[in-house]
Amino acid sequence: MIDLFYAGGPIIMSILALILVAVLVTAFKFQEWTQEIGLIALSVGILGQVIGLYGMFEGIESFGGEVNQAMIAGGLKYSTISTIFGVLIYIVSLIIRVVNKPRFL
């Protein structure tokens, strides 16, 4: 699991880890903010993917366009790690929001 953390980019993944902690804190203290914090995680995850794709395209450019399909597939695989974690954090925030939602009888 720690390998995925480093592969997803330590800065973006650290931000996502802090957002996960924020989602868990808001679940108990500020329940109306839980879903919004989850949306921030989703946005940061997508931003991490865009930054990863940019890095992949820079690498392709530095090779002069002479790359094989395995290199492109590897770059795409690693660029999606932050998006996956962002989506998972968003799903956790939605589940927390549904569980904490007031029910009227």
Protein backbone atom coordinates (compact mmCIF):
# COMPACT_ATOMS: atom_id res chain seq x y z
CA MET A 1 0.00 0.00 0.00
CA ILE A 2 2.86 2.37 0.73
CA ASP A 3 4.17 1.67 -2.79
CA LEU A 4 0.91 3.04 -4.21
CA PHE A 5 1.30 6.10 -2.01
CA TYR A 6 4.69 6.91 -3.52
CA ALA A 7 3.66 5.89 -7.04
CA GLY A 8 0.67 8.24 -6.94
CA GLY A 9 2.92 11.17 -6.14
CA PRO A 10 3.88 11.90 -2.54
CA ILE A 11 2.60 15.48 -2.54
CA ILE A 12 -0.85 14.74 -4.00
CA MET A 13 -1.24 11.57 -1.94
CA SER A 14 -0.27 13.44 1.25
CA ILE A 15 -2.92 16.04 0.48
CA LEU A 16 -5.45 13.26 -0.09
CA ALA A 17 -4.47 11.64 3.22
CA LEU A 18 -5.06 14.95 5.01
CA ILE A 19 -8.41 15.30 3.27
CA LEU A 20 -9.36 11.79 4.43
CA VAL A 21 -8.61 12.83 8.00
CA ALA A 22 -10.68 15.97 7.44
CA VAL A 23 -13.61 13.86 6.19
CA LEU A 24 -13.45 11.70 9.30
CA VAL A 25 -13.26 14.74 11.58
CA THR A 26 -16.18 16.47 9.86
CA ALA A 27 -18.23 13.29 10.23
CA PHE A 28 -18.34 13.93 13.96
CA LYS A 29 -17.97 17.70 14.31
CA PHE A 30 -19.34 19.41 11.19
CA GLN A 31 -21.61 16.91 9.46
CA GLU A 32 -22.90 19.38 6.87
CA TRP A 33 -19.38 19.77 5.45
CA THR A 34 -18.62 16.08 4.95
CA GLN A 35 -19.78 15.83 1.35
CA GLU A 36 -18.06 19.07 0.35
CA ILE A 37 -14.74 17.91 1.78
CA GLY A 38 -15.22 14.67 -0.19
CA LEU A 39 -15.70 16.71 -3.36
CA ILE A 40 -12.40 18.43 -2.66
CA ALA A 41 -10.77 14.97 -2.46
CA LEU A 42 -12.29 14.06 -5.81
CA SER A 43 -11.01 17.29 -7.35
CA VAL A 44 -7.50 16.84 -5.93
CA GLY A 45 -7.44 13.26 -7.23
CA ILE A 46 -8.33 14.40 -10.73
CA LEU A 47 -5.73 17.18 -10.49
CA GLY A 48 -3.15 14.54 -9.53
CA GLN A 49 -4.07 12.51 -12.60
CA VAL A 50 -3.70 15.52 -14.89
CA ILE A 51 -0.30 16.30 -13.38
CA GLY A 52 0.72 12.65 -13.84
CA LEU A 53 -0.38 12.68 -17.48
CA TYR A 54 1.58 15.87 -18.03
CA GLY A 55 4.67 14.17 -16.63
CA MET A 56 4.08 11.16 -18.85
CA PHE A 57 3.82 13.35 -21.95
CA GLU A 58 7.00 15.18 -20.95
CA GLY A 59 8.74 11.81 -20.73
CA ILE A 60 7.46 10.83 -24.17
CA GLU A 61 8.69 14.14 -25.53
CA SER A 62 12.14 13.65 -23.99
CA PHE A 63 12.44 10.29 -25.76
CA GLY A 64 11.66 12.03 -29.04
CA GLY A 65 8.38 10.18 -29.44
CA GLU A 66 10.16 6.80 -29.64
CA VAL A 67 8.25 4.95 -26.93
CA ASN A 68 6.51 1.62 -26.87
CA GLN A 69 3.01 0.83 -25.73
CA ALA A 70 4.18 -0.64 -22.43
CA MET A 71 5.66 2.70 -21.39
CA ILE A 72 2.44 4.53 -22.21
CA ALA A 73 0.33 1.93 -20.39
CA GLY A 74 2.59 2.20 -17.34
CA GLY A 75 2.29 5.98 -17.33
CA LEU A 76 -1.49 5.79 -17.58
CA LYS A 77 -1.62 3.21 -14.79
CA TYR A 78 0.39 5.34 -12.38
CA SER A 79 -1.46 8.53 -13.29
CA THR A 80 -4.80 7.02 -12.22
CA ILE A 81 -3.69 6.11 -8.68
CA SER A 82 -4.49 9.54 -7.23
CA THR A 83 -7.87 9.59 -8.96
CA ILE A 84 -8.76 6.20 -7.50
CA PHE A 85 -7.91 7.38 -3.99
CA GLY A 86 -9.83 10.63 -4.51
CA VAL A 87 -12.92 8.71 -5.64
CA LEU A 88 -12.64 6.32 -2.69
CA ILE A 89 -12.47 9.23 -0.25
CA TYR A 90 -15.49 10.81 -1.94
CA ILE A 91 -17.44 7.55 -1.63
CA VAL A 92 -16.53 7.35 2.07
CA SER A 93 -17.79 10.91 2.53
CA LEU A 94 -21.08 10.04 0.81
CA ILE A 95 -21.54 6.96 2.98
CA ILE A 96 -20.87 8.99 6.12
CA ARG A 97 -23.29 11.66 4.93
CA VAL A 98 -26.06 9.08 4.32
CA VAL A 99 -25.50 7.40 7.69
CA ASN A 100 -25.56 10.72 9.56
CA LYS A 101 -28.55 12.10 7.66
CA PRO A 102 -31.46 12.89 9.99
CA ARG A 103 -34.46 10.65 9.51
CA PHE A 104 -37.99 11.85 9.99
CA LEU A 105 -40.72 9.38 10.85
